[in-house]
């Protein structure tokens, strides 16, 4: 993993932690766009783009005729996409979180993969199909798929497992008609925990795949 990857991922995590609030209607976490505002959205978006080769994908998509978003239209576009994702994913176990103008889907491994496996559990396909519907409708976003594990076992093995799981999710979404040029995939292994690895509950939270949707902007 290069220094740019570590820096940008750490920056995104810092921004998320610094301005996190809870939606009073859904109970889900989101970043305050009034407190952090355009600054958080711009920096987080730039970080994710650098991390996942966003410029190359952006240029390829725009060259293929997919229009870029601009100005105030970005937030409104992502608002609509977020609302539809929440409606589609209600009760599935997948959380929908807003980070500035980006959207993060957190998919816990207990509903996505069997223990130590990288093939998607058959029961999770309907949930992914719901995600596909929204991703195809809102095609002016880049799709970053990140895999994470807990700290149990060998570091190298965990890194490989997280990469394979992220790739499995991205490959399925692409196979269902989501434009493959929108995707970037990265496994982080155990290096990006969101909970305490010393407890069963914490380890369960850390085993996850995240999909981050970044607006295709000018």
Protein backbone atom coordinates (compact mmCIF):
# COMPACT_ATOMS: atom_id res chain seq x y z
CA UNK A 1 0.00 0.00 0.00
CA UNK A 2 1.58 3.34 -1.01
CA UNK A 3 1.79 6.52 1.06
CA UNK A 4 -0.93 8.21 -0.99
CA UNK A 5 -3.35 5.40 -0.19
CA UNK A 6 -2.62 5.60 3.54
CA UNK A 7 -2.83 9.39 3.63
CA UNK A 8 -6.07 9.74 1.73
CA UNK A 9 -7.85 6.92 3.54
CA UNK A 10 -6.76 8.36 6.89
CA UNK A 11 -7.95 11.82 5.86
CA UNK A 12 -11.36 10.50 4.91
CA UNK A 13 -11.65 8.66 8.25
CA UNK A 14 -10.64 11.80 10.13
CA UNK A 15 -13.22 13.93 8.36
CA UNK A 16 -15.92 11.37 9.06
CA UNK A 17 -15.08 11.19 12.76
CA UNK A 18 -14.84 14.95 13.19
CA UNK A 19 -18.31 15.86 11.94
CA UNK A 20 -20.44 12.79 12.48
CA UNK A 21 -24.06 13.24 13.55
CA UNK A 22 -27.07 10.95 13.88
CA UNK A 23 -30.13 11.33 11.69
CA UNK A 24 -33.04 11.67 14.16
CA UNK A 25 -35.46 9.95 11.79
CA UNK A 26 -33.37 6.96 10.69
CA UNK A 27 -30.81 6.60 13.49
CA UNK A 28 -28.10 6.41 10.83
CA UNK A 29 -24.88 8.37 10.95
CA UNK A 30 -24.11 11.16 8.54
CA UNK A 31 -21.72 14.07 8.19
CA UNK A 32 -23.21 17.47 8.89
CA UNK A 33 -23.13 19.42 5.66
CA UNK A 34 -23.89 22.66 7.49
CA UNK A 35 -21.00 22.28 9.94
CA UNK A 36 -18.50 20.68 7.56
CA UNK A 37 -20.13 21.89 4.40
CA UNK A 38 -18.57 22.07 1.01
CA UNK A 39 -15.08 21.93 2.51
CA UNK A 40 -15.57 18.41 3.86
CA UNK A 41 -17.27 17.25 0.69
CA UNK A 42 -14.56 18.68 -1.52
CA UNK A 43 -11.66 17.30 0.49
CA UNK A 44 -13.22 13.88 1.05
CA UNK A 45 -14.15 13.64 -2.60
CA UNK A 46 -10.66 14.61 -3.69
CA UNK A 47 -9.15 12.09 -1.28
CA UNK A 48 -11.30 9.24 -2.52
CA UNK A 49 -10.63 10.20 -6.11
CA UNK A 50 -6.87 10.14 -5.58
CA UNK A 51 -7.07 6.90 -3.64
CA UNK A 52 -9.04 5.08 -6.31
CA UNK A 53 -7.73 6.60 -9.55
CA UNK A 54 -10.74 8.89 -9.78
CA UNK A 55 -9.30 11.16 -12.47
CA UNK A 56 -8.81 8.30 -14.93
CA UNK A 57 -12.30 6.98 -14.35
CA UNK A 58 -13.79 10.45 -14.49
CA UNK A 59 -12.15 11.20 -17.81
CA UNK A 60 -13.17 7.84 -19.27
CA UNK A 61 -16.81 8.26 -18.24
CA UNK A 62 -17.05 11.83 -19.47
CA UNK A 63 -15.41 10.74 -22.72
CA UNK A 64 -18.09 8.05 -23.03
CA UNK A 65 -20.78 10.70 -22.89
CA UNK A 66 -21.78 10.61 -19.21
CA UNK A 67 -22.20 14.20 -18.10
CA UNK A 68 -20.40 15.59 -15.06
CA UNK A 69 -22.27 17.25 -12.20
CA UNK A 70 -21.59 20.85 -11.24
CA UNK A 71 -22.21 23.33 -8.42
CA UNK A 72 -25.33 23.03 -6.31
CA UNK A 73 -26.63 20.26 -8.52
CA UNK A 74 -24.16 17.82 -6.95
CA UNK A 75 -25.73 17.90 -3.49
CA UNK A 76 -29.27 17.64 -4.84
CA UNK A 77 -28.32 14.69 -7.06
CA UNK A 78 -26.70 12.85 -4.15
CA UNK A 79 -29.67 13.68 -1.89
CA UNK A 80 -32.04 11.91 -4.27
CA UNK A 81 -29.73 8.93 -4.63
CA UNK A 82 -29.31 8.65 -0.86
CA UNK A 83 -33.08 8.73 -0.33
CA UNK A 84 -33.64 5.96 -2.86
CA UNK A 85 -30.87 3.81 -1.40
CA UNK A 86 -32.34 4.15 2.09
CA UNK A 87 -35.76 3.19 0.79
CA UNK A 88 -34.41 0.17 -1.10
CA UNK A 89 -32.15 -1.03 1.72
CA UNK A 90 -34.44 -0.55 4.71
CA UNK A 91 -34.35 -3.63 6.92
CA UNK A 92 -31.52 -5.33 4.98
CA UNK A 93 -28.74 -4.71 7.50
CA UNK A 94 -26.90 -2.37 5.12
CA UNK A 95 -26.40 1.14 6.48
CA UNK A 96 -26.45 4.26 4.30
CA UNK A 97 -24.21 7.08 5.54
CA UNK A 98 -23.58 10.53 4.08
CA UNK A 99 -20.05 11.99 4.11
CA UNK A 100 -20.29 15.45 2.59
CA UNK A 101 -21.40 14.82 -0.98
CA UNK A 102 -20.35 11.16 -0.85
CA UNK A 103 -22.51 8.18 0.15
CA UNK A 104 -21.19 5.13 2.01
CA UNK A 105 -22.94 1.76 2.10
CA UNK A 106 -21.67 -0.47 4.92
CA UNK A 107 -22.28 -4.18 4.29
CA UNK A 108 -21.41 -6.35 7.33
CA UNK A 109 -19.79 -9.66 6.44
CA UNK A 110 -22.30 -11.68 8.48
CA UNK A 111 -24.93 -10.94 5.81
CA UNK A 112 -22.63 -10.89 2.78
CA UNK A 113 -20.19 -13.82 3.13
CA UNK A 114 -19.84 -17.08 4.99
CA UNK A 115 -16.94 -17.28 7.45
CA UNK A 116 -13.57 -17.15 5.69
CA UNK A 117 -15.22 -17.19 2.24
CA UNK A 118 -15.10 -14.70 -0.62
CA UNK A 119 -18.16 -15.91 -2.53
CA UNK A 120 -21.25 -13.81 -1.89
CA UNK A 121 -23.93 -15.57 0.15
CA UNK A 122 -26.93 -16.36 -2.05
CA UNK A 123 -29.28 -14.70 0.42
CA UNK A 124 -27.56 -11.37 -0.14
CA UNK A 125 -28.17 -11.20 -3.89
CA UNK A 126 -31.61 -9.57 -3.55
CA UNK A 127 -30.04 -6.78 -1.49
CA UNK A 128 -27.31 -6.24 -4.08
CA UNK A 129 -29.96 -6.24 -6.80
CA UNK A 130 -31.66 -3.36 -4.99
CA UNK A 131 -28.35 -1.49 -4.99
CA UNK A 132 -27.99 -2.18 -8.72
CA UNK A 133 -31.32 -0.51 -9.45
CA UNK A 134 -30.17 2.73 -7.84
CA UNK A 135 -26.64 2.66 -9.24
CA UNK A 136 -27.94 2.24 -12.78
CA UNK A 137 -30.44 5.06 -12.36
CA UNK A 138 -27.84 7.43 -10.86
CA UNK A 139 -24.93 6.80 -13.21
CA UNK A 140 -23.09 10.07 -12.51
CA UNK A 141 -21.10 8.61 -9.62
CA UNK A 142 -17.81 6.77 -9.23
CA UNK A 143 -18.07 3.53 -7.23
CA UNK A 144 -15.27 2.64 -4.79
CA UNK A 145 -15.57 -0.82 -3.22
CA UNK A 146 -13.46 -1.43 -0.10
CA UNK A 147 -12.97 -4.69 1.79
CA UNK A 148 -12.11 -4.91 5.50
CA UNK A 149 -11.48 -7.69 8.03
CA UNK A 150 -10.98 -7.96 11.76
CA UNK A 151 -7.51 -8.51 13.28
CA UNK A 152 -7.85 -12.27 13.78
CA UNK A 153 -5.28 -14.31 11.86
CA UNK A 154 -2.43 -13.45 9.52
CA UNK A 155 -2.13 -9.88 8.22
CA UNK A 156 -1.35 -10.96 4.69
CA UNK A 157 -4.19 -13.44 4.56
CA UNK A 158 -6.64 -10.83 5.84
CA UNK A 159 -5.48 -8.35 3.21
CA UNK A 160 -6.03 -10.88 0.43
CA UNK A 161 -9.44 -11.92 1.78
CA UNK A 162 -10.59 -8.31 2.00
CA UNK A 163 -9.47 -7.68 -1.59
CA UNK A 164 -11.26 -10.77 -2.89
CA UNK A 165 -14.47 -9.91 -1.07
CA UNK A 166 -14.47 -6.36 -2.41
CA UNK A 167 -13.82 -7.71 -5.89
CA UNK A 168 -16.68 -10.19 -5.57
CA UNK A 169 -19.13 -7.39 -4.76
CA UNK A 170 -17.86 -5.15 -7.56
CA UNK A 171 -17.93 -8.01 -10.07
CA UNK A 172 -21.50 -8.91 -9.20
CA UNK A 173 -22.72 -5.32 -9.51
CA UNK A 174 -20.97 -5.02 -12.87
CA UNK A 175 -22.42 -8.33 -14.05
CA UNK A 176 -25.90 -6.94 -13.39
CA UNK A 177 -25.37 -4.03 -15.75
CA UNK A 178 -23.59 -1.34 -13.72
CA UNK A 179 -20.92 0.27 -15.90
CA UNK A 180 -17.59 -1.37 -15.05
CA UNK A 181 -15.68 1.84 -15.79
CA UNK A 182 -17.17 3.37 -12.64
CA UNK A 183 -15.48 0.91 -10.27
CA UNK A 184 -12.28 0.85 -8.25
CA UNK A 185 -11.59 -1.94 -5.73
CA UNK A 186 -9.29 -1.92 -2.70
CA UNK A 187 -8.75 -4.37 0.15
CA UNK A 188 -7.52 -2.91 3.44
CA UNK A 189 -7.38 -6.08 5.52
CA UNK A 190 -7.40 -5.26 9.23
CA UNK A 191 -5.89 -1.76 8.91
CA UNK A 192 -9.12 0.28 8.98
CA UNK A 193 -11.11 -0.89 12.04
CA UNK A 194 -14.25 0.98 13.03
CA UNK A 195 -14.70 -0.89 16.34
CA UNK A 196 -12.69 -2.63 19.06
CA UNK A 197 -11.11 -5.85 17.79
CA UNK A 198 -10.84 -7.20 21.35
CA UNK A 199 -14.57 -8.01 21.48
CA UNK A 200 -16.77 -10.29 19.37
CA UNK A 201 -19.13 -7.43 18.59
CA UNK A 202 -16.28 -5.16 17.56
CA UNK A 203 -14.73 -7.77 15.28
CA UNK A 204 -18.11 -8.36 13.65
CA UNK A 205 -18.39 -4.64 12.83
CA UNK A 206 -14.89 -4.56 11.37
CA UNK A 207 -15.60 -7.42 8.95
CA UNK A 208 -17.36 -5.53 6.18
CA UNK A 209 -17.44 -4.33 2.60
CA UNK A 210 -18.02 -0.63 1.99
CA UNK A 211 -19.28 0.96 -1.20
CA UNK A 212 -18.47 4.64 -1.46
CA UNK A 213 -20.29 6.65 -4.11
CA UNK A 214 -18.45 9.77 -5.26
CA UNK A 215 -20.17 12.30 -7.53
CA UNK A 216 -18.78 12.60 -11.05
CA UNK A 217 -18.06 16.32 -10.93
CA UNK A 218 -16.44 18.83 -13.25
